[in-house]
Amino acid sequence: MAPGDADSFIDKNEEKFHDNNSDSDSYSDSSDDNKKRPPVTAAKSNRTNAVYRLFGRDRPVHKVLGGGKPADILLWRNKRCTGMALGAGTALWVFFELLEYHLITLVCHLMILSLGALFLWSNASVFIHKSPMQIPHVSVPQECVLEVASVLRVETNRVVTALREIGTGRDIKKFLSVVAGLWVISVVGSWFSFLTLFYLFFVSLFTLPLLYEKNEDQVDALAEKAMIEIKKQYAVLDAKVLSQIPIAGFKKD
């Protein structure tokens, strides 16, 4: 090998050595920076957990509604069942409210039509050489009735206990909230009949959860602002009025 070639070979090796050192230094610097930086996913999860959710929920709307077929129907995941349920409710409201049909009259007419159809088919089957219709035997199981009665008993006792706690005046904030809610319901109830009010509630079950699920971020932001304003107004009311009322067992938040 010539002396000039040897010198150029050494220079090339030195350049490669320096390049490798610089790459290793930059890699070590980047690894140190990555160690110092907090994980991005953790920061995102913390920001997500800090978001205000309506009614303090921490689960999706579908899970809050039960997560099964009823939730699918209310959120229009099963459009066929949703349409059938909403159509049946609307038909009943039209029958009873717009056509001024009564429940007992409707039940009696349906039974007359059913019995008449069965009677005609049973007698006509002899002439048309058809076997008579086999009417299945229907009976309500005792376990089902006892289970429903047990659930109603538990829920009734829970409501009575809650009303008793509110009526004792130990939590005046809850007392005022319940009174205000009942007053709003009484005002709305004076505008509509009971059946129409129930139908509006029925329709809202198929509309409000769906609208909230599609716009939950905007609704939660507005609800957060509303709750902050309500708490401010309640604090003013508490300082000027409620704190001056001598109530035994008064509990402040």
C-alpha atoms as a PDB file:
ATOM      1  CA  MET A   1       0.000   0.000   0.000  1.00  0.00           C
ATOM      2  CA  ALA A   2       1.336   3.462  -0.894  1.00  0.00           C
ATOM      3  CA  PRO A   3       1.954   6.067   1.836  1.00  0.00           C
ATOM      4  CA  GLY A   4      -0.759   8.377   0.417  1.00  0.00           C
ATOM      5  CA  ASP A   5      -3.275   5.545   0.375  1.00  0.00           C
ATOM      6  CA  ALA A   6      -2.452   4.684   3.994  1.00  0.00           C
ATOM      7  CA  ASP A   7      -3.017   8.294   5.108  1.00  0.00           C
ATOM      8  CA  SER A   8      -6.391   8.493   3.295  1.00  0.00           C
ATOM      9  CA  PHE A   9      -7.441   5.167   4.817  1.00  0.00           C
ATOM     10  CA  ILE A  10      -6.632   6.426   8.344  1.00  0.00           C
ATOM     11  CA  ASP A  11      -8.507   9.705   7.726  1.00  0.00           C
ATOM     12  CA  LYS A  12     -11.623   7.798   6.604  1.00  0.00           C
ATOM     13  CA  ASN A  13     -11.547   5.592   9.701  1.00  0.00           C
ATOM     14  CA  GLU A  14     -11.220   8.650  11.954  1.00  0.00           C
ATOM     15  CA  GLU A  15     -14.219  10.302  10.262  1.00  0.00           C
ATOM     16  CA  LYS A  16     -16.320   7.160  10.730  1.00  0.00           C
ATOM     17  CA  PHE A  17     -15.249   6.995  14.379  1.00  0.00           C
ATOM     18  CA  HIS A  18     -16.275  10.607  14.995  1.00  0.00           C
ATOM     19  CA  ASP A  19     -19.598  10.073  13.205  1.00  0.00           C
ATOM     20  CA  ASN A  20     -20.346   7.044  15.348  1.00  0.00           C
ATOM     21  CA  ASN A  21     -19.509   8.974  18.532  1.00  0.00           C
ATOM     22  CA  SER A  22     -21.773  11.850  17.530  1.00  0.00           C
ATOM     23  CA  ASP A  23     -24.650   9.428  16.771  1.00  0.00           C
ATOM     24  CA  SER A  24     -24.202   7.700  20.119  1.00  0.00           C
ATOM     25  CA  ASP A  25     -24.107  11.074  21.906  1.00  0.00           C
ATOM     26  CA  SER A  26     -27.297  12.212  20.180  1.00  0.00           C
ATOM     27  CA  TYR A  27     -28.972   8.878  21.018  1.00  0.00           C
ATOM     28  CA  SER A  28     -27.951   9.180  24.672  1.00  0.00           C
ATOM     29  CA  ASP A  29     -29.264  12.762  24.765  1.00  0.00           C
ATOM     30  CA  SER A  30     -32.559  11.725  23.221  1.00  0.00           C
ATOM     31  CA  SER A  31     -32.879   8.803  25.640  1.00  0.00           C
ATOM     32  CA  ASP A  32     -32.203  11.156  28.571  1.00  0.00           C
ATOM     33  CA  ASP A  33     -34.858  13.532  27.263  1.00  0.00           C
ATOM     34  CA  ASN A  34     -37.314  10.676  26.949  1.00  0.00           C
ATOM     35  CA  LYS A  35     -36.606   9.653  30.521  1.00  0.00           C
ATOM     36  CA  LYS A  36     -37.208  13.174  31.755  1.00  0.00           C
ATOM     37  CA  ARG A  37     -40.412  13.636  29.807  1.00  0.00           C
ATOM     38  CA  PRO A  38     -43.608  12.321  31.405  1.00  0.00           C
ATOM     39  CA  PRO A  39     -45.562   9.746  29.412  1.00  0.00           C
ATOM     40  CA  VAL A  40     -47.964  11.312  26.957  1.00  0.00           C
ATOM     41  CA  THR A  41     -50.665   8.750  27.628  1.00  0.00           C
ATOM     42  CA  ALA A  42     -50.623   9.490  31.350  1.00  0.00           C
ATOM     43  CA  ALA A  43     -51.015  13.209  30.719  1.00  0.00           C
ATOM     44  CA  LYS A  44     -53.889  12.571  28.362  1.00  0.00           C
ATOM     45  CA  SER A  45     -55.590  10.233  30.805  1.00  0.00           C
ATOM     46  CA  ASN A  46     -55.255  12.797  33.581  1.00  0.00           C
ATOM     47  CA  ARG A  47     -56.840  15.454  31.388  1.00  0.00           C
ATOM     48  CA  THR A  48     -59.629  13.050  30.477  1.00  0.00           C
ATOM     49  CA  ASN A  49     -60.334  12.205  34.098  1.00  0.00           C
ATOM     50  CA  ALA A  50     -60.525  15.880  34.965  1.00  0.00           C
ATOM     51  CA  VAL A  51     -63.352  16.510  32.485  1.00  0.00           C
ATOM     52  CA  TYR A  52     -66.706  17.267  34.108  1.00  0.00           C
ATOM     53  CA  ARG A  53     -69.420  14.751  33.249  1.00  0.00           C
ATOM     54  CA  LEU A  54     -73.147  15.242  33.736  1.00  0.00           C
ATOM     55  CA  PHE A  55     -74.489  13.641  36.946  1.00  0.00           C
ATOM     56  CA  GLY A  56     -70.924  12.670  37.852  1.00  0.00           C
ATOM     57  CA  ARG A  57     -70.918   9.649  35.551  1.00  0.00           C
ATOM     58  CA  ASP A  58     -67.668   7.825  34.800  1.00  0.00           C
ATOM     59  CA  ARG A  59     -69.025   5.358  32.230  1.00  0.00           C
ATOM     60  CA  PRO A  60     -70.326   5.676  28.668  1.00  0.00           C
ATOM     61  CA  VAL A  61     -73.994   6.466  28.143  1.00  0.00           C
ATOM     62  CA  HIS A  62     -74.663   2.946  26.861  1.00  0.00           C
ATOM     63  CA  LYS A  63     -73.323   1.436  30.095  1.00  0.00           C
ATOM     64  CA  VAL A  64     -75.264   3.911  32.241  1.00  0.00           C
ATOM     65  CA  LEU A  65     -78.502   2.785  30.563  1.00  0.00           C
ATOM     66  CA  GLY A  66     -77.770  -0.857  31.350  1.00  0.00           C
ATOM     67  CA  GLY A  67     -75.625  -1.897  28.405  1.00  0.00           C
ATOM     68  CA  GLY A  68     -78.085  -4.508  27.083  1.00  0.00           C
ATOM     69  CA  LYS A  69     -80.980  -4.586  24.650  1.00  0.00           C
ATOM     70  CA  PRO A  70     -82.889  -1.769  26.420  1.00  0.00           C
ATOM     71  CA  ALA A  71     -79.860   0.507  25.982  1.00  0.00           C
ATOM     72  CA  ASP A  72     -79.603  -0.492  22.313  1.00  0.00           C
ATOM     73  CA  ILE A  73     -83.273   0.407  21.824  1.00  0.00           C
ATOM     74  CA  LEU A  74     -83.036   3.767  23.605  1.00  0.00           C
ATOM     75  CA  LEU A  75     -79.874   4.743  21.693  1.00  0.00           C
ATOM     76  CA  TRP A  76     -81.232   3.584  18.311  1.00  0.00           C
ATOM     77  CA  ARG A  77     -78.637   0.822  17.960  1.00  0.00           C
ATOM     78  CA  ASN A  78     -81.477  -1.524  17.011  1.00  0.00           C
ATOM     79  CA  LYS A  79     -83.578   0.722  14.798  1.00  0.00           C
ATOM     80  CA  ARG A  80     -86.244  -1.885  14.080  1.00  0.00           C
ATOM     81  CA  CYS A  81     -87.055  -2.491  17.757  1.00  0.00           C
ATOM     82  CA  THR A  82     -86.825   1.217  18.503  1.00  0.00           C
ATOM     83  CA  GLY A  83     -89.266   2.052  15.722  1.00  0.00           C
ATOM     84  CA  MET A  84     -91.692  -0.644  16.875  1.00  0.00           C
ATOM     85  CA  ALA A  85     -91.608   0.533  20.499  1.00  0.00           C
ATOM     86  CA  LEU A  86     -91.978   4.194  19.582  1.00  0.00           C
ATOM     87  CA  GLY A  87     -94.745   3.391  17.097  1.00  0.00           C
ATOM     88  CA  ALA A  88     -96.677   1.326  19.659  1.00  0.00           C
ATOM     89  CA  GLY A  89     -96.442   4.094  22.244  1.00  0.00           C
ATOM     90  CA  THR A  90     -97.550   6.687  19.710  1.00  0.00           C
ATOM     91  CA  ALA A  91    -100.501   4.523  18.633  1.00  0.00           C
ATOM     92  CA  LEU A  92    -101.667   4.126  22.232  1.00  0.00           C
ATOM     93  CA  TRP A  93    -101.391   7.882  22.794  1.00  0.00           C
ATOM     94  CA  VAL A  94    -103.399   8.568  19.632  1.00  0.00           C
ATOM     95  CA  PHE A  95    -106.080   6.064  20.685  1.00  0.00           C
ATOM     96  CA  PHE A  96    -106.495   7.358  24.230  1.00  0.00           C
ATOM     97  CA  GLU A  97    -105.787  11.086  23.808  1.00  0.00           C
ATOM     98  CA  LEU A  98    -106.732  12.161  20.300  1.00  0.00           C
ATOM     99  CA  LEU A  99    -109.542   9.667  19.639  1.00  0.00           C
ATOM    100  CA  GLU A 100    -110.625   9.849  23.296  1.00  0.00           C
ATOM    101  CA  TYR A 101    -110.649   6.076  23.594  1.00  0.00           C
ATOM    102  CA  HIS A 102    -110.762   4.645  27.119  1.00  0.00           C
ATOM    103  CA  LEU A 103    -108.577   1.830  28.369  1.00  0.00           C
ATOM    104  CA  ILE A 104    -111.415  -0.404  29.543  1.00  0.00           C
ATOM    105  CA  THR A 105    -113.269   0.116  26.254  1.00  0.00           C
ATOM    106  CA  LEU A 106    -110.177  -0.744  24.225  1.00  0.00           C
ATOM    107  CA  VAL A 107    -109.474  -3.882  26.248  1.00  0.00           C
ATOM    108  CA  CYS A 108    -113.085  -5.050  25.933  1.00  0.00           C
ATOM    109  CA  HIS A 109    -113.146  -4.446  22.179  1.00  0.00           C
ATOM    110  CA  LEU A 110    -109.877  -6.322  21.688  1.00  0.00           C
ATOM    111  CA  MET A 111    -111.202  -9.262  23.711  1.00  0.00           C
ATOM    112  CA  ILE A 112    -114.451  -9.265  21.688  1.00  0.00           C
ATOM    113  CA  LEU A 113    -112.500  -9.363  18.420  1.00  0.00           C
ATOM    114  CA  SER A 114    -110.204 -12.114  19.690  1.00  0.00           C
ATOM    115  CA  LEU A 115    -113.013 -14.298  21.023  1.00  0.00           C
ATOM    116  CA  GLY A 116    -115.081 -13.751  17.866  1.00  0.00           C
ATOM    117  CA  ALA A 117    -112.166 -14.748  15.629  1.00  0.00           C
ATOM    118  CA  LEU A 118    -111.504 -17.891  17.692  1.00  0.00           C
ATOM    119  CA  PHE A 119    -115.181 -18.828  17.707  1.00  0.00           C
ATOM    120  CA  LEU A 120    -115.551 -18.447  13.943  1.00  0.00           C
ATOM    121  CA  TRP A 121    -112.352 -20.363  13.206  1.00  0.00           C
ATOM    122  CA  SER A 122    -113.275 -23.225  15.535  1.00  0.00           C
ATOM    123  CA  ASN A 123    -116.690 -23.671  13.922  1.00  0.00           C
ATOM    124  CA  ALA A 124    -115.565 -23.021  10.345  1.00  0.00           C
ATOM    125  CA  SER A 125    -112.758 -25.572  10.596  1.00  0.00           C
ATOM    126  CA  VAL A 126    -115.357 -28.379  10.471  1.00  0.00           C
ATOM    127  CA  PHE A 127    -116.689 -27.215   7.098  1.00  0.00           C
ATOM    128  CA  ILE A 128    -113.352 -26.412   5.476  1.00  0.00           C
ATOM    129  CA  HIS A 129    -111.759 -29.608   6.801  1.00  0.00           C
ATOM    130  CA  LYS A 130    -109.097 -27.826   8.807  1.00  0.00           C
ATOM    131  CA  SER A 131    -107.856 -28.820  12.215  1.00  0.00           C
ATOM    132  CA  PRO A 132    -109.052 -26.457  14.947  1.00  0.00           C
ATOM    133  CA  MET A 133    -106.607 -23.912  16.261  1.00  0.00           C
ATOM    134  CA  GLN A 134    -104.505 -25.095  19.167  1.00  0.00           C
ATOM    135  CA  ILE A 135    -104.707 -22.426  21.839  1.00  0.00           C
ATOM    136  CA  PRO A 136    -101.652 -22.613  24.098  1.00  0.00           C
ATOM    137  CA  HIS A 137    -102.095 -22.783  27.841  1.00  0.00           C
ATOM    138  CA  VAL A 138    -100.778 -19.597  29.426  1.00  0.00           C
ATOM    139  CA  SER A 139    -100.077 -19.279  33.139  1.00  0.00           C
ATOM    140  CA  VAL A 140     -98.103 -16.732  35.115  1.00  0.00           C
ATOM    141  CA  PRO A 141     -95.368 -18.409  37.195  1.00  0.00           C
ATOM    142  CA  GLN A 142     -95.410 -17.746  40.902  1.00  0.00           C
ATOM    143  CA  GLU A 143     -91.692 -16.943  41.008  1.00  0.00           C
ATOM    144  CA  CYS A 144     -92.125 -14.094  38.533  1.00  0.00           C
ATOM    145  CA  VAL A 145     -94.921 -12.514  40.573  1.00  0.00           C
ATOM    146  CA  LEU A 146     -92.948 -12.834  43.813  1.00  0.00           C
ATOM    147  CA  GLU A 147     -89.848 -11.327  42.216  1.00  0.00           C
ATOM    148  CA  VAL A 148     -91.794  -8.313  40.898  1.00  0.00           C
ATOM    149  CA  ALA A 149     -93.483  -7.839  44.260  1.00  0.00           C
ATOM    150  CA  SER A 150     -90.108  -8.008  46.032  1.00  0.00           C
ATOM    151  CA  VAL A 151     -88.589  -5.384  43.721  1.00  0.00           C
ATOM    152  CA  LEU A 152     -91.595  -3.095  44.226  1.00  0.00           C
ATOM    153  CA  ARG A 153     -91.357  -3.509  47.988  1.00  0.00           C
ATOM    154  CA  VAL A 154     -87.657  -2.637  48.053  1.00  0.00           C
ATOM    155  CA  GLU A 155     -88.089   0.424  45.836  1.00  0.00           C
ATOM    156  CA  THR A 156     -91.123   1.623  47.820  1.00  0.00           C
ATOM    157  CA  ASN A 157     -89.219   1.333  51.085  1.00  0.00           C
ATOM    158  CA  ARG A 158     -86.298   3.222  49.563  1.00  0.00           C
ATOM    159  CA  VAL A 159     -88.550   6.069  48.432  1.00  0.00           C
ATOM    160  CA  VAL A 160     -90.289   6.243  51.805  1.00  0.00           C
ATOM    161  CA  THR A 161     -86.930   6.313  53.610  1.00  0.00           C
ATOM    162  CA  ALA A 162     -85.633   9.077  51.331  1.00  0.00           C
ATOM    163  CA  LEU A 163     -88.796  11.149  51.874  1.00  0.00           C
ATOM    164  CA  ARG A 164     -88.487  10.664  55.631  1.00  0.00           C
ATOM    165  CA  GLU A 165     -84.866  11.860  55.600  1.00  0.00           C
ATOM    166  CA  ILE A 166     -85.819  14.888  53.523  1.00  0.00           C
ATOM    167  CA  GLY A 167     -88.807  15.711  55.721  1.00  0.00           C
ATOM    168  CA  THR A 168     -86.763  15.696  58.927  1.00  0.00           C
ATOM    169  CA  GLY A 169     -84.895  18.800  57.718  1.00  0.00           C
ATOM    170  CA  ARG A 170     -81.390  17.440  58.295  1.00  0.00           C
ATOM    171  CA  ASP A 171     -80.272  18.343  54.776  1.00  0.00           C
ATOM    172  CA  ILE A 172     -81.928  21.592  53.758  1.00  0.00           C
ATOM    173  CA  LYS A 173     -80.175  21.619  50.373  1.00  0.00           C
ATOM    174  CA  LYS A 174     -81.765  18.328  49.397  1.00  0.00           C
ATOM    175  CA  PHE A 175     -85.092  19.522  50.820  1.00  0.00           C
ATOM    176  CA  LEU A 176     -85.084  22.628  48.631  1.00  0.00           C
ATOM    177  CA  SER A 177     -84.040  20.611  45.562  1.00  0.00           C
ATOM    178  CA  VAL A 178     -86.921  18.145  45.989  1.00  0.00           C
ATOM    179  CA  VAL A 179     -89.450  20.911  46.628  1.00  0.00           C
ATOM    180  CA  ALA A 180     -88.270  22.815  43.544  1.00  0.00           C
ATOM    181  CA  GLY A 181     -88.444  19.659  41.421  1.00  0.00           C
ATOM    182  CA  LEU A 182     -91.959  18.829  42.583  1.00  0.00           C
ATOM    183  CA  TRP A 183     -93.061  22.397  41.944  1.00  0.00           C
ATOM    184  CA  VAL A 184     -91.710  22.278  38.362  1.00  0.00           C
ATOM    185  CA  ILE A 185     -93.479  18.952  37.757  1.00  0.00           C
ATOM    186  CA  SER A 186     -96.738  20.386  39.117  1.00  0.00           C
ATOM    187  CA  VAL A 187     -96.499  23.386  36.780  1.00  0.00           C
ATOM    188  CA  VAL A 188     -95.737  21.218  33.740  1.00  0.00           C
ATOM    189  CA  GLY A 189     -98.490  18.803  34.761  1.00  0.00           C
ATOM    190  CA  SER A 190    -101.039  21.622  34.721  1.00  0.00           C
ATOM    191  CA  TRP A 191    -100.241  22.232  31.033  1.00  0.00           C
ATOM    192  CA  PHE A 192    -100.895  18.666  29.869  1.00  0.00           C
ATOM    193  CA  SER A 193    -103.025  15.700  30.806  1.00  0.00           C
ATOM    194  CA  PHE A 194    -101.431  12.789  32.610  1.00  0.00           C
ATOM    195  CA  LEU A 195    -101.400  10.640  29.474  1.00  0.00           C
ATOM    196  CA  THR A 196     -99.792  13.363  27.360  1.00  0.00           C
ATOM    197  CA  LEU A 197     -97.217  14.036  30.071  1.00  0.00           C
ATOM    198  CA  PHE A 198     -96.400  10.328  30.238  1.00  0.00           C
ATOM    199  CA  TYR A 199     -96.142  10.197  26.437  1.00  0.00           C
ATOM    200  CA  LEU A 200     -93.736  13.163  26.425  1.00  0.00           C
ATOM    201  CA  PHE A 201     -91.615  11.356  28.993  1.00  0.00           C
ATOM    202  CA  PHE A 202     -91.763   8.212  26.856  1.00  0.00           C
ATOM    203  CA  VAL A 203     -90.631  10.090  23.735  1.00  0.00           C
ATOM    204  CA  SER A 204     -87.842  11.823  25.667  1.00  0.00           C
ATOM    205  CA  LEU A 205     -86.408   8.395  26.534  1.00  0.00           C
ATOM    206  CA  PHE A 206     -85.830   7.806  22.817  1.00  0.00           C
ATOM    207  CA  THR A 207     -84.467  11.276  22.017  1.00  0.00           C
ATOM    208  CA  LEU A 208     -82.567  12.821  24.934  1.00  0.00           C
ATOM    209  CA  PRO A 209     -80.057   9.964  25.524  1.00  0.00           C
ATOM    210  CA  LEU A 210     -79.280   9.841  21.782  1.00  0.00           C
ATOM    211  CA  LEU A 211     -78.790  13.611  21.527  1.00  0.00           C
ATOM    212  CA  TYR A 212     -76.651  13.628  24.651  1.00  0.00           C
ATOM    213  CA  GLU A 213     -74.445  10.796  23.393  1.00  0.00           C
ATOM    214  CA  LYS A 214     -73.794  12.677  20.140  1.00  0.00           C
ATOM    215  CA  ASN A 215     -73.112  16.036  21.842  1.00  0.00           C
ATOM    216  CA  GLU A 216     -71.903  15.013  25.297  1.00  0.00           C
ATOM    217  CA  ASP A 217     -68.812  17.247  25.285  1.00  0.00           C
ATOM    218  CA  GLN A 218     -70.817  20.402  24.568  1.00  0.00           C
ATOM    219  CA  VAL A 219     -73.596  19.433  26.996  1.00  0.00           C
ATOM    220  CA  ASP A 220     -71.122  18.620  29.761  1.00  0.00           C
ATOM    221  CA  ALA A 221     -69.373  21.961  29.294  1.00  0.00           C
ATOM    222  CA  LEU A 222     -72.671  23.846  29.557  1.00  0.00           C
ATOM    223  CA  ALA A 223     -73.722  21.742  32.541  1.00  0.00           C
ATOM    224  CA  GLU A 224     -70.444  22.521  34.302  1.00  0.00           C
ATOM    225  CA  LYS A 225     -71.006  26.261  33.854  1.00  0.00           C
ATOM    226  CA  ALA A 226     -74.589  25.910  35.060  1.00  0.00           C
ATOM    227  CA  MET A 227     -73.524  23.974  38.161  1.00  0.00           C
ATOM    228  CA  ILE A 228     -70.900  26.590  39.015  1.00  0.00           C
ATOM    229  CA  GLU A 229     -73.524  29.338  38.745  1.00  0.00           C
ATOM    230  CA  ILE A 230     -76.040  27.356  40.812  1.00  0.00           C
ATOM    231  CA  LYS A 231     -73.466  26.784  43.533  1.00  0.00           C
ATOM    232  CA  LYS A 232     -72.679  30.501  43.607  1.00  0.00           C
ATOM    233  CA  GLN A 233     -76.348  31.415  43.937  1.00  0.00           C
ATOM    234  CA  TYR A 234     -76.865  28.764  46.610  1.00  0.00           C
ATOM    235  CA  ALA A 235     -73.877  30.083  48.547  1.00  0.00           C
ATOM    236  CA  VAL A 236     -75.416  33.571  48.527  1.00  0.00           C
ATOM    237  CA  LEU A 237     -78.791  32.148  49.606  1.00  0.00           C
ATOM    238  CA  ASP A 238     -77.144  30.103  52.326  1.00  0.00           C
ATOM    239  CA  ALA A 239     -75.217  33.065  53.685  1.00  0.00           C
ATOM    240  CA  LYS A 240     -78.169  35.469  53.706  1.00  0.00           C
ATOM    241  CA  VAL A 241     -81.179  33.257  54.463  1.00  0.00           C
ATOM    242  CA  LEU A 242     -80.574  29.581  55.220  1.00  0.00           C
ATOM    243  CA  SER A 243     -77.877  30.112  57.819  1.00  0.00           C
ATOM    244  CA  GLN A 244     -80.268  32.323  59.782  1.00  0.00           C
ATOM    245  CA  ILE A 245     -82.939  29.610  60.086  1.00  0.00           C
ATOM    246  CA  PRO A 246     -82.653  27.701  63.407  1.00  0.00           C
ATOM    247  CA  ILE A 247     -83.171  24.061  62.389  1.00  0.00           C
ATOM    248  CA  ALA A 248     -82.261  21.147  64.619  1.00  0.00           C
ATOM    249  CA  GLY A 249     -79.729  18.818  63.058  1.00  0.00           C
ATOM    250  CA  PHE A 250     -79.008  21.301  60.260  1.00  0.00           C
ATOM    251  CA  LYS A 251     -76.230  20.010  58.035  1.00  0.00           C
ATOM    252  CA  LYS A 252     -74.231  22.258  55.759  1.00  0.00           C
ATOM    253  CA  ASP A 253     -72.129  21.065  52.838  1.00  0.00           C
END
